[in-house]
Amino acid sequence: MTGAGATPDRDPGLQPERTRLAWRRTTLSSTVAALLAMKTSLHGGASAAALTVCALCCALWLGFLLVAHRRIRTLSATSSPPALTPRYATTGALLTVALAVCAAALVF
């Protein structure tokens, strides 16, 4: 507390922990989406198009996994981690959207 009636000081260790856990949850969700997309693409048999979609889903998932793992390590390394750079934020968002579009294309 900084004074009588003041709000308590924020614990700087909680925000990086919550962010790290959010990255882990997003990675798990991405893994499930990639696996379901691959399962759907191979459901009718292993055609050239299905194998191409599987390879694309795997590549997108691995790319997101690398971005997420890097951020998780950065958040765990220090008590006051640096902000996520726009380059990595954009890369993570684009990989997520691309995986979602790939999975949606399989459904239609």
PDB file of N, CA and C in Angstrom:
ATOM      1  N   MET A   1       0.838  -1.180   0.000  1.00  0.00           N
ATOM      2  CA  MET A   1       0.000   0.000   0.000  1.00  0.00           C
ATOM      3  C   MET A   1       0.878   1.237   0.000  1.00  0.00           C
ATOM      4  N   THR A   2       0.465   2.196  -0.754  1.00  0.00           N
ATOM      5  CA  THR A   2       1.235   3.433  -0.819  1.00  0.00           C
ATOM      6  C   THR A   2       0.743   4.466   0.173  1.00  0.00           C
ATOM      7  N   GLY A   3      -0.422   4.314   0.676  1.00  0.00           N
ATOM      8  CA  GLY A   3      -0.940   5.258   1.660  1.00  0.00           C
ATOM      9  C   GLY A   3      -2.299   4.808   2.135  1.00  0.00           C
ATOM     10  N   ALA A   4      -2.874   5.545   3.097  1.00  0.00           N
ATOM     11  CA  ALA A   4      -4.174   5.186   3.635  1.00  0.00           C
ATOM     12  C   ALA A   4      -5.237   5.333   2.558  1.00  0.00           C
ATOM     13  N   GLY A   5      -6.011   4.293   2.343  1.00  0.00           N
ATOM     14  CA  GLY A   5      -7.086   4.330   1.377  1.00  0.00           C
ATOM     15  C   GLY A   5      -6.646   4.139  -0.065  1.00  0.00           C
ATOM     16  N   ALA A   6      -5.361   4.006  -0.300  1.00  0.00           N
ATOM     17  CA  ALA A   6      -4.870   3.824  -1.676  1.00  0.00           C
ATOM     18  C   ALA A   6      -5.021   2.368  -2.084  1.00  0.00           C
ATOM     19  N   THR A   7      -5.063   2.155  -3.373  1.00  0.00           N
ATOM     20  CA  THR A   7      -5.149   0.790  -3.869  1.00  0.00           C
ATOM     21  C   THR A   7      -3.799   0.105  -3.718  1.00  0.00           C
ATOM     22  N   PRO A   8      -3.795  -1.215  -3.538  1.00  0.00           N
ATOM     23  CA  PRO A   8      -2.514  -1.923  -3.393  1.00  0.00           C
ATOM     24  C   PRO A   8      -1.701  -1.869  -4.681  1.00  0.00           C
ATOM     25  N   ASP A   9      -0.389  -1.932  -4.544  1.00  0.00           N
ATOM     26  CA  ASP A   9       0.494  -1.944  -5.701  1.00  0.00           C
ATOM     27  C   ASP A   9       0.272  -3.224  -6.496  1.00  0.00           C
ATOM     28  N   ARG A  10       0.421  -3.107  -7.783  1.00  0.00           N
ATOM     29  CA  ARG A  10       0.252  -4.256  -8.672  1.00  0.00           C
ATOM     30  C   ARG A  10       1.465  -5.167  -8.551  1.00  0.00           C
ATOM     31  N   ASP A  11       1.207  -6.451  -8.533  1.00  0.00           N
ATOM     32  CA  ASP A  11       2.289  -7.431  -8.491  1.00  0.00           C
ATOM     33  C   ASP A  11       2.792  -7.645  -9.914  1.00  0.00           C
ATOM     34  N   PRO A  12       4.012  -7.212 -10.247  1.00  0.00           N
ATOM     35  CA  PRO A  12       4.487  -7.316 -11.631  1.00  0.00           C
ATOM     36  C   PRO A  12       4.725  -8.756 -12.080  1.00  0.00           C
ATOM     37  N   GLY A  13       4.734  -9.700 -11.166  1.00  0.00           N
ATOM     38  CA  GLY A  13       4.992 -11.080 -11.553  1.00  0.00           C
ATOM     39  C   GLY A  13       3.772 -11.808 -12.080  1.00  0.00           C
ATOM     40  N   LEU A  14       2.588 -11.283 -11.823  1.00  0.00           N
ATOM     41  CA  LEU A  14       1.381 -11.988 -12.231  1.00  0.00           C
ATOM     42  C   LEU A  14       1.070 -11.832 -13.720  1.00  0.00           C
ATOM     43  N   GLN A  15       1.269 -10.658 -14.265  1.00  0.00           N
ATOM     44  CA  GLN A  15       0.934 -10.441 -15.674  1.00  0.00           C
ATOM     45  C   GLN A  15       1.763 -11.328 -16.613  1.00  0.00           C
ATOM     46  N   PRO A  16       3.079 -11.403 -16.466  1.00  0.00           N
ATOM     47  CA  PRO A  16       3.832 -12.323 -17.349  1.00  0.00           C
ATOM     48  C   PRO A  16       3.394 -13.775 -17.184  1.00  0.00           C
ATOM     49  N   GLU A  17       3.022 -14.166 -15.970  1.00  0.00           N
ATOM     50  CA  GLU A  17       2.573 -15.539 -15.735  1.00  0.00           C
ATOM     51  C   GLU A  17       1.251 -15.799 -16.471  1.00  0.00           C
ATOM     52  N   ARG A  18       0.320 -14.871 -16.382  1.00  0.00           N
ATOM     53  CA  ARG A  18      -0.956 -15.024 -17.093  1.00  0.00           C
ATOM     54  C   ARG A  18      -0.740 -15.036 -18.605  1.00  0.00           C
ATOM     55  N   THR A  19       0.147 -14.197 -19.073  1.00  0.00           N
ATOM     56  CA  THR A  19       0.427 -14.154 -20.510  1.00  0.00           C
ATOM     57  C   THR A  19       1.079 -15.449 -20.969  1.00  0.00           C
ATOM     58  N   ARG A  20       1.991 -15.967 -20.175  1.00  0.00           N
ATOM     59  CA  ARG A  20       2.644 -17.244 -20.508  1.00  0.00           C
ATOM     60  C   ARG A  20       1.612 -18.373 -20.581  1.00  0.00           C
ATOM     61  N   LEU A  21       0.694 -18.401 -19.624  1.00  0.00           N
ATOM     62  CA  LEU A  21      -0.349 -19.426 -19.635  1.00  0.00           C
ATOM     63  C   LEU A  21      -1.284 -19.259 -20.835  1.00  0.00           C
ATOM     64  N   ALA A  22      -1.556 -18.019 -21.219  1.00  0.00           N
ATOM     65  CA  ALA A  22      -2.397 -17.774 -22.394  1.00  0.00           C
ATOM     66  C   ALA A  22      -1.715 -18.285 -23.665  1.00  0.00           C
ATOM     67  N   TRP A  23      -0.402 -18.077 -23.781  1.00  0.00           N
ATOM     68  CA  TRP A  23       0.336 -18.605 -24.934  1.00  0.00           C
ATOM     69  C   TRP A  23       0.266 -20.126 -24.949  1.00  0.00           C
ATOM     70  N   ARG A  24       0.369 -20.752 -23.790  1.00  0.00           N
ATOM     71  CA  ARG A  24       0.290 -22.218 -23.734  1.00  0.00           C
ATOM     72  C   ARG A  24      -1.095 -22.714 -24.158  1.00  0.00           C
ATOM     73  N   ARG A  25      -2.144 -22.044 -23.689  1.00  0.00           N
ATOM     74  CA  ARG A  25      -3.503 -22.434 -24.082  1.00  0.00           C
ATOM     75  C   ARG A  25      -3.702 -22.256 -25.586  1.00  0.00           C
ATOM     76  N   THR A  26      -3.203 -21.178 -26.131  1.00  0.00           N
ATOM     77  CA  THR A  26      -3.343 -20.925 -27.564  1.00  0.00           C
ATOM     78  C   THR A  26      -2.579 -21.972 -28.363  1.00  0.00           C
ATOM     79  N   THR A  27      -1.419 -22.365 -27.878  1.00  0.00           N
ATOM     80  CA  THR A  27      -0.643 -23.414 -28.542  1.00  0.00           C
ATOM     81  C   THR A  27      -1.404 -24.736 -28.519  1.00  0.00           C
ATOM     82  N   LEU A  28      -2.031 -25.053 -27.400  1.00  0.00           N
ATOM     83  CA  LEU A  28      -2.822 -26.279 -27.309  1.00  0.00           C
ATOM     84  C   LEU A  28      -4.008 -26.226 -28.280  1.00  0.00           C
ATOM     85  N   SER A  29      -4.689 -25.090 -28.339  1.00  0.00           N
ATOM     86  CA  SER A  29      -5.820 -24.931 -29.265  1.00  0.00           C
ATOM     87  C   SER A  29      -5.356 -25.055 -30.716  1.00  0.00           C
ATOM     88  N   SER A  30      -4.215 -24.487 -31.028  1.00  0.00           N
ATOM     89  CA  SER A  30      -3.658 -24.573 -32.375  1.00  0.00           C
ATOM     90  C   SER A  30      -3.324 -26.022 -32.720  1.00  0.00           C
ATOM     91  N   THR A  31      -2.815 -26.753 -31.768  1.00  0.00           N
ATOM     92  CA  THR A  31      -2.491 -28.166 -31.982  1.00  0.00           C
ATOM     93  C   THR A  31      -3.741 -28.968 -32.293  1.00  0.00           C
ATOM     94  N   VAL A  32      -4.802 -28.735 -31.532  1.00  0.00           N
ATOM     95  CA  VAL A  32      -6.059 -29.446 -31.768  1.00  0.00           C
ATOM     96  C   VAL A  32      -6.622 -29.084 -33.146  1.00  0.00           C
ATOM     97  N   ALA A  33      -6.598 -27.798 -33.495  1.00  0.00           N
ATOM     98  CA  ALA A  33      -7.103 -27.373 -34.805  1.00  0.00           C
ATOM     99  C   ALA A  33      -6.306 -28.010 -35.937  1.00  0.00           C
ATOM    100  N   ALA A  34      -4.989 -28.049 -35.797  1.00  0.00           N
ATOM    101  CA  ALA A  34      -4.150 -28.656 -36.840  1.00  0.00           C
ATOM    102  C   ALA A  34      -4.429 -30.148 -36.967  1.00  0.00           C
ATOM    103  N   LEU A  35      -4.557 -30.832 -35.846  1.00  0.00           N
ATOM    104  CA  LEU A  35      -4.834 -32.274 -35.894  1.00  0.00           C
ATOM    105  C   LEU A  35      -6.191 -32.566 -36.511  1.00  0.00           C
ATOM    106  N   LEU A  36      -7.204 -31.782 -36.147  1.00  0.00           N
ATOM    107  CA  LEU A  36      -8.528 -31.984 -36.742  1.00  0.00           C
ATOM    108  C   LEU A  36      -8.523 -31.670 -38.232  1.00  0.00           C
ATOM    109  N   ALA A  37      -7.792 -30.647 -38.622  1.00  0.00           N
ATOM    110  CA  ALA A  37      -7.699 -30.318 -40.042  1.00  0.00           C
ATOM    111  C   ALA A  37      -7.014 -31.446 -40.805  1.00  0.00           C
ATOM    112  N   MET A  38      -5.949 -31.983 -40.255  1.00  0.00           N
ATOM    113  CA  MET A  38      -5.252 -33.084 -40.920  1.00  0.00           C
ATOM    114  C   MET A  38      -6.124 -34.324 -40.985  1.00  0.00           C
ATOM    115  N   LYS A  39      -6.842 -34.597 -39.914  1.00  0.00           N
ATOM    116  CA  LYS A  39      -7.734 -35.765 -39.901  1.00  0.00           C
ATOM    117  C   LYS A  39      -8.819 -35.612 -40.956  1.00  0.00           C
ATOM    118  N   THR A  40      -9.389 -34.416 -41.053  1.00  0.00           N
ATOM    119  CA  THR A  40     -10.438 -34.152 -42.036  1.00  0.00           C
ATOM    120  C   THR A  40      -9.908 -34.282 -43.457  1.00  0.00           C
ATOM    121  N   SER A  41      -8.701 -33.780 -43.693  1.00  0.00           N
ATOM    122  CA  SER A  41      -8.165 -33.832 -45.054  1.00  0.00           C
ATOM    123  C   SER A  41      -7.831 -35.253 -45.484  1.00  0.00           C
ATOM    124  N   LEU A  42      -7.495 -36.105 -44.561  1.00  0.00           N
ATOM    125  CA  LEU A  42      -7.143 -37.487 -44.899  1.00  0.00           C
ATOM    126  C   LEU A  42      -8.325 -38.449 -44.777  1.00  0.00           C
ATOM    127  N   HIS A  43      -9.469 -37.943 -44.370  1.00  0.00           N
ATOM    128  CA  HIS A  43     -10.634 -38.802 -44.141  1.00  0.00           C
ATOM    129  C   HIS A  43     -11.093 -39.522 -45.409  1.00  0.00           C
ATOM    130  N   GLY A  44     -11.057 -38.847 -46.536  1.00  0.00           N
ATOM    131  CA  GLY A  44     -11.520 -39.456 -47.784  1.00  0.00           C
ATOM    132  C   GLY A  44     -10.454 -40.273 -48.496  1.00  0.00           C
ATOM    133  N   GLY A  45      -9.269 -40.342 -47.966  1.00  0.00           N
ATOM    134  CA  GLY A  45      -8.170 -41.042 -48.619  1.00  0.00           C
ATOM    135  C   GLY A  45      -7.001 -40.101 -48.842  1.00  0.00           C
ATOM    136  N   ALA A  46      -5.856 -40.670 -49.094  1.00  0.00           N
ATOM    137  CA  ALA A  46      -4.628 -39.876 -49.229  1.00  0.00           C
ATOM    138  C   ALA A  46      -4.418 -39.455 -50.677  1.00  0.00           C
ATOM    139  N   SER A  47      -5.052 -38.368 -51.075  1.00  0.00           N
ATOM    140  CA  SER A  47      -4.844 -37.830 -52.414  1.00  0.00           C
ATOM    141  C   SER A  47      -3.731 -36.788 -52.360  1.00  0.00           C
ATOM    142  N   ALA A  48      -3.325 -36.319 -53.504  1.00  0.00           N
ATOM    143  CA  ALA A  48      -2.263 -35.303 -53.560  1.00  0.00           C
ATOM    144  C   ALA A  48      -2.723 -34.011 -52.893  1.00  0.00           C
ATOM    145  N   ALA A  49      -3.976 -33.637 -53.103  1.00  0.00           N
ATOM    146  CA  ALA A  49      -4.505 -32.414 -52.480  1.00  0.00           C
ATOM    147  C   ALA A  49      -4.561 -32.564 -50.964  1.00  0.00           C
ATOM    148  N   ALA A  50      -4.978 -33.722 -50.491  1.00  0.00           N
ATOM    149  CA  ALA A  50      -5.070 -33.960 -49.048  1.00  0.00           C
ATOM    150  C   ALA A  50      -3.688 -33.909 -48.398  1.00  0.00           C
ATOM    151  N   LEU A  51      -2.715 -34.503 -49.057  1.00  0.00           N
ATOM    152  CA  LEU A  51      -1.367 -34.479 -48.512  1.00  0.00           C
ATOM    153  C   LEU A  51      -0.784 -33.071 -48.515  1.00  0.00           C
ATOM    154  N   THR A  52      -1.131 -32.282 -49.533  1.00  0.00           N
ATOM    155  CA  THR A  52      -0.678 -30.889 -49.585  1.00  0.00           C
ATOM    156  C   THR A  52      -1.278 -30.085 -48.440  1.00  0.00           C
ATOM    157  N   VAL A  53      -2.564 -30.281 -48.180  1.00  0.00           N
ATOM    158  CA  VAL A  53      -3.228 -29.578 -47.080  1.00  0.00           C
ATOM    159  C   VAL A  53      -2.638 -30.014 -45.742  1.00  0.00           C
ATOM    160  N   CYS A  54      -2.364 -31.296 -45.592  1.00  0.00           N
ATOM    161  CA  CYS A  54      -1.735 -31.786 -44.359  1.00  0.00           C
ATOM    162  C   CYS A  54      -0.373 -31.140 -44.153  1.00  0.00           C
ATOM    163  N   ALA A  55       0.409 -31.083 -45.201  1.00  0.00           N
ATOM    164  CA  ALA A  55       1.734 -30.475 -45.096  1.00  0.00           C
ATOM    165  C   ALA A  55       1.624 -28.990 -44.762  1.00  0.00           C
ATOM    166  N   LEU A  56       0.666 -28.301 -45.365  1.00  0.00           N
ATOM    167  CA  LEU A  56       0.452 -26.883 -45.077  1.00  0.00           C
ATOM    168  C   LEU A  56       0.028 -26.674 -43.621  1.00  0.00           C
ATOM    169  N   CYS A  57      -0.897 -27.496 -43.153  1.00  0.00           N
ATOM    170  CA  CYS A  57      -1.334 -27.398 -41.748  1.00  0.00           C
ATOM    171  C   CYS A  57      -0.170 -27.652 -40.796  1.00  0.00           C
ATOM    172  N   CYS A  58       0.641 -28.644 -41.096  1.00  0.00           N
ATOM    173  CA  CYS A  58       1.811 -28.936 -40.252  1.00  0.00           C
ATOM    174  C   CYS A  58       2.792 -27.771 -40.244  1.00  0.00           C
ATOM    175  N   ALA A  59       3.045 -27.195 -41.406  1.00  0.00           N
ATOM    176  CA  ALA A  59       3.980 -26.073 -41.494  1.00  0.00           C
ATOM    177  C   ALA A  59       3.458 -24.859 -40.725  1.00  0.00           C
ATOM    178  N   LEU A  60       2.168 -24.560 -40.875  1.00  0.00           N
ATOM    179  CA  LEU A  60       1.585 -23.435 -40.140  1.00  0.00           C
ATOM    180  C   LEU A  60       1.630 -23.676 -38.641  1.00  0.00           C
ATOM    181  N   TRP A  61       1.312 -24.882 -38.226  1.00  0.00           N
ATOM    182  CA  TRP A  61       1.339 -25.219 -36.799  1.00  0.00           C
ATOM    183  C   TRP A  61       2.754 -25.126 -36.244  1.00  0.00           C
ATOM    184  N   LEU A  62       3.724 -25.643 -36.972  1.00  0.00           N
ATOM    185  CA  LEU A  62       5.112 -25.561 -36.496  1.00  0.00           C
ATOM    186  C   LEU A  62       5.595 -24.117 -36.413  1.00  0.00           C
ATOM    187  N   GLY A  63       5.207 -23.300 -37.383  1.00  0.00           N
ATOM    188  CA  GLY A  63       5.570 -21.886 -37.337  1.00  0.00           C
ATOM    189  C   GLY A  63       4.996 -21.209 -36.111  1.00  0.00           C
ATOM    190  N   PHE A  64       3.709 -21.457 -35.825  1.00  0.00           N
ATOM    191  CA  PHE A  64       3.104 -20.860 -34.634  1.00  0.00           C
ATOM    192  C   PHE A  64       3.751 -21.396 -33.369  1.00  0.00           C
ATOM    193  N   LEU A  65       4.060 -22.675 -33.361  1.00  0.00           N
ATOM    194  CA  LEU A  65       4.699 -23.273 -32.185  1.00  0.00           C
ATOM    195  C   LEU A  65       6.045 -22.615 -31.905  1.00  0.00           C
ATOM    196  N   LEU A  66       6.814 -22.314 -32.933  1.00  0.00           N
ATOM    197  CA  LEU A  66       8.097 -21.642 -32.743  1.00  0.00           C
ATOM    198  C   LEU A  66       7.927 -20.235 -32.166  1.00  0.00           C
ATOM    199  N   VAL A  67       6.966 -19.485 -32.704  1.00  0.00           N
ATOM    200  CA  VAL A  67       6.716 -18.130 -32.197  1.00  0.00           C
ATOM    201  C   VAL A  67       6.256 -18.188 -30.739  1.00  0.00           C
ATOM    202  N   ALA A  68       5.334 -19.089 -30.444  1.00  0.00           N
ATOM    203  CA  ALA A  68       4.805 -19.195 -29.084  1.00  0.00           C
ATOM    204  C   ALA A  68       5.882 -19.654 -28.105  1.00  0.00           C
ATOM    205  N   HIS A  69       6.683 -20.629 -28.504  1.00  0.00           N
ATOM    206  CA  HIS A  69       7.722 -21.135 -27.603  1.00  0.00           C
ATOM    207  C   HIS A  69       8.753 -20.052 -27.291  1.00  0.00           C
ATOM    208  N   ARG A  70       9.083 -19.279 -28.293  1.00  0.00           N
ATOM    209  CA  ARG A  70      10.029 -18.169 -28.073  1.00  0.00           C
ATOM    210  C   ARG A  70       9.464 -17.171 -27.059  1.00  0.00           C
ATOM    211  N   ARG A  71       8.183 -16.850 -27.209  1.00  0.00           N
ATOM    212  CA  ARG A  71       7.573 -15.894 -26.286  1.00  0.00           C
ATOM    213  C   ARG A  71       7.452 -16.482 -24.883  1.00  0.00           C
ATOM    214  N   ILE A  72       7.119 -17.735 -24.768  1.00  0.00           N
ATOM    215  CA  ILE A  72       7.009 -18.380 -23.456  1.00  0.00           C
ATOM    216  C   ILE A  72       8.363 -18.371 -22.758  1.00  0.00           C
ATOM    217  N   ARG A  73       9.433 -18.684 -23.495  1.00  0.00           N
ATOM    218  CA  ARG A  73      10.779 -18.644 -22.899  1.00  0.00           C
ATOM    219  C   ARG A  73      11.144 -17.241 -22.449  1.00  0.00           C
ATOM    220  N   THR A  74      10.804 -16.230 -23.253  1.00  0.00           N
ATOM    221  CA  THR A  74      11.100 -14.846 -22.888  1.00  0.00           C
ATOM    222  C   THR A  74      10.341 -14.447 -21.629  1.00  0.00           C
ATOM    223  N   LEU A  75       9.095 -14.847 -21.522  1.00  0.00           N
ATOM    224  CA  LEU A  75       8.292 -14.512 -20.343  1.00  0.00           C
ATOM    225  C   LEU A  75       8.798 -15.213 -19.087  1.00  0.00           C
ATOM    226  N   SER A  76       9.348 -16.400 -19.244  1.00  0.00           N
ATOM    227  CA  SER A  76       9.841 -17.152 -18.098  1.00  0.00           C
ATOM    228  C   SER A  76      11.238 -16.734 -17.667  1.00  0.00           C
ATOM    229  N   ALA A  77      11.989 -16.110 -18.563  1.00  0.00           N
ATOM    230  CA  ALA A  77      13.398 -15.824 -18.302  1.00  0.00           C
ATOM    231  C   ALA A  77      13.623 -14.682 -17.315  1.00  0.00           C
ATOM    232  N   THR A  78      12.794 -13.655 -17.380  1.00  0.00           N
ATOM    233  CA  THR A  78      13.020 -12.489 -16.538  1.00  0.00           C
ATOM    234  C   THR A  78      11.747 -12.120 -15.789  1.00  0.00           C
ATOM    235  N   SER A  79      11.910 -11.340 -14.730  1.00  0.00           N
ATOM    236  CA  SER A  79      10.740 -10.906 -13.975  1.00  0.00           C
ATOM    237  C   SER A  79      10.021  -9.761 -14.665  1.00  0.00           C
ATOM    238  N   SER A  80      10.716  -9.036 -15.539  1.00  0.00           N
ATOM    239  CA  SER A  80      10.112  -7.943 -16.287  1.00  0.00           C
ATOM    240  C   SER A  80      10.438  -8.122 -17.771  1.00  0.00           C
ATOM    241  N   PRO A  81       9.688  -9.012 -18.452  1.00  0.00           N
ATOM    242  CA  PRO A  81       9.999  -9.306 -19.855  1.00  0.00           C
ATOM    243  C   PRO A  81       9.697  -8.119 -20.762  1.00  0.00           C
ATOM    244  N   PRO A  82      10.422  -8.025 -21.865  1.00  0.00           N
ATOM    245  CA  PRO A  82      10.145  -6.946 -22.825  1.00  0.00           C
ATOM    246  C   PRO A  82       8.818  -7.195 -23.538  1.00  0.00           C
ATOM    247  N   ALA A  83       8.280  -6.135 -24.095  1.00  0.00           N
ATOM    248  CA  ALA A  83       7.030  -6.244 -24.844  1.00  0.00           C
ATOM    249  C   ALA A  83       7.246  -7.094 -26.095  1.00  0.00           C
ATOM    250  N   LEU A  84       6.186  -7.716 -26.534  1.00  0.00           N
ATOM    251  CA  LEU A  84       6.231  -8.512 -27.753  1.00  0.00           C
ATOM    252  C   LEU A  84       6.425  -7.567 -28.940  1.00  0.00           C
ATOM    253  N   THR A  85       7.398  -7.869 -29.765  1.00  0.00           N
ATOM    254  CA  THR A  85       7.674  -6.999 -30.909  1.00  0.00           C
ATOM    255  C   THR A  85       6.549  -7.121 -31.937  1.00  0.00           C
ATOM    256  N   PRO A  86       6.293  -6.066 -32.683  1.00  0.00           N
ATOM    257  CA  PRO A  86       5.233  -6.123 -33.701  1.00  0.00           C
ATOM    258  C   PRO A  86       5.465  -7.231 -34.728  1.00  0.00           C
ATOM    259  N   ARG A  87       6.715  -7.506 -35.024  1.00  0.00           N
ATOM    260  CA  ARG A  87       7.038  -8.557 -36.004  1.00  0.00           C
ATOM    261  C   ARG A  87       6.531  -9.918 -35.536  1.00  0.00           C
ATOM    262  N   TYR A  88       6.805 -10.258 -34.270  1.00  0.00           N
ATOM    263  CA  TYR A  88       6.359 -11.553 -33.748  1.00  0.00           C
ATOM    264  C   TYR A  88       4.857 -11.586 -33.524  1.00  0.00           C
ATOM    265  N   ALA A  89       4.278 -10.458 -33.110  1.00  0.00           N
ATOM    266  CA  ALA A  89       2.828 -10.401 -32.931  1.00  0.00           C
ATOM    267  C   ALA A  89       2.115 -10.606 -34.267  1.00  0.00           C
ATOM    268  N   THR A  90       2.605  -9.952 -35.302  1.00  0.00           N
ATOM    269  CA  THR A  90       2.018 -10.085 -36.631  1.00  0.00           C
ATOM    270  C   THR A  90       2.195 -11.502 -37.162  1.00  0.00           C
ATOM    271  N   THR A  91       3.380 -12.060 -36.963  1.00  0.00           N
ATOM    272  CA  THR A  91       3.640 -13.429 -37.424  1.00  0.00           C
ATOM    273  C   THR A  91       2.716 -14.413 -36.739  1.00  0.00           C
ATOM    274  N   GLY A  92       2.580 -14.303 -35.420  1.00  0.00           N
ATOM    275  CA  GLY A  92       1.690 -15.197 -34.675  1.00  0.00           C
ATOM    276  C   GLY A  92       0.246 -15.073 -35.118  1.00  0.00           C
ATOM    277  N   ALA A  93      -0.204 -13.843 -35.330  1.00  0.00           N
ATOM    278  CA  ALA A  93      -1.587 -13.623 -35.770  1.00  0.00           C
ATOM    279  C   ALA A  93      -1.813 -14.170 -37.179  1.00  0.00           C
ATOM    280  N   LEU A  94      -0.880 -13.923 -38.078  1.00  0.00           N
ATOM    281  CA  LEU A  94      -1.029 -14.419 -39.451  1.00  0.00           C
ATOM    282  C   LEU A  94      -1.007 -15.938 -39.516  1.00  0.00           C
ATOM    283  N   LEU A  95      -0.147 -16.557 -38.725  1.00  0.00           N
ATOM    284  CA  LEU A  95      -0.104 -18.022 -38.703  1.00  0.00           C
ATOM    285  C   LEU A  95      -1.402 -18.600 -38.159  1.00  0.00           C
ATOM    286  N   THR A  96      -1.955 -17.962 -37.139  1.00  0.00           N
ATOM    287  CA  THR A  96      -3.214 -18.430 -36.567  1.00  0.00           C
ATOM    288  C   THR A  96      -4.353 -18.295 -37.567  1.00  0.00           C
ATOM    289  N   VAL A  97      -4.431 -17.160 -38.222  1.00  0.00           N
ATOM    290  CA  VAL A  97      -5.488 -16.939 -39.216  1.00  0.00           C
ATOM    291  C   VAL A  97      -5.317 -17.896 -40.398  1.00  0.00           C
ATOM    292  N   ALA A  98      -4.092 -18.094 -40.842  1.00  0.00           N
ATOM    293  CA  ALA A  98      -3.843 -19.008 -41.968  1.00  0.00           C
ATOM    294  C   ALA A  98      -4.242 -20.436 -41.621  1.00  0.00           C
ATOM    295  N   LEU A  99      -3.960 -20.871 -40.403  1.00  0.00           N
ATOM    296  CA  LEU A  99      -4.359 -22.213 -39.978  1.00  0.00           C
ATOM    297  C   LEU A  99      -5.875 -22.320 -39.916  1.00  0.00           C
ATOM    298  N   ALA A 100      -6.537 -21.271 -39.432  1.00  0.00           N
ATOM    299  CA  ALA A 100      -8.003 -21.274 -39.377  1.00  0.00           C
ATOM    300  C   ALA A 100      -8.607 -21.312 -40.782  1.00  0.00           C
ATOM    301  N   VAL A 101      -8.037 -20.541 -41.710  1.00  0.00           N
ATOM    302  CA  VAL A 101      -8.527 -20.541 -43.095  1.00  0.00           C
ATOM    303  C   VAL A 101      -8.298 -21.900 -43.733  1.00  0.00           C
ATOM    304  N   CYS A 102      -7.160 -22.482 -43.486  1.00  0.00           N
ATOM    305  CA  CYS A 102      -6.844 -23.816 -44.017  1.00  0.00           C
ATOM    306  C   CYS A 102      -7.848 -24.854 -43.498  1.00  0.00           C
ATOM    307  N   ALA A 103      -8.130 -24.793 -42.203  1.00  0.00           N
ATOM    308  CA  ALA A 103      -9.072 -25.730 -41.599  1.00  0.00           C
ATOM    309  C   ALA A 103     -10.491 -25.481 -42.123  1.00  0.00           C
ATOM    310  N   ALA A 104     -10.866 -24.206 -42.276  1.00  0.00           N
ATOM    311  CA  ALA A 104     -12.207 -23.894 -42.788  1.00  0.00           C
ATOM    312  C   ALA A 104     -12.358 -24.346 -44.236  1.00  0.00           C
ATOM    313  N   ALA A 105     -11.296 -24.226 -45.015  1.00  0.00           N
ATOM    314  CA  ALA A 105     -11.344 -24.659 -46.418  1.00  0.00           C
ATOM    315  C   ALA A 105     -11.590 -26.165 -46.517  1.00  0.00           C
ATOM    316  N   LEU A 106     -11.125 -26.905 -45.547  1.00  0.00           N
ATOM    317  CA  LEU A 106     -11.331 -28.352 -45.552  1.00  0.00           C
ATOM    318  C   LEU A 106     -12.789 -28.721 -45.300  1.00  0.00           C
ATOM    319  N   VAL A 107     -13.466 -27.885 -44.529  1.00  0.00           N
ATOM    320  CA  VAL A 107     -14.859 -28.182 -44.193  1.00  0.00           C
ATOM    321  C   VAL A 107     -15.767 -27.927 -45.382  1.00  0.00           C
ATOM    322  N   PHE A 108     -15.442 -26.931 -46.186  1.00  0.00           N
ATOM    323  CA  PHE A 108     -16.319 -26.572 -47.314  1.00  0.00           C
ATOM    324  C   PHE A 108     -15.876 -27.237 -48.536  1.00  0.00           C
TER     325      PHE A 108
END
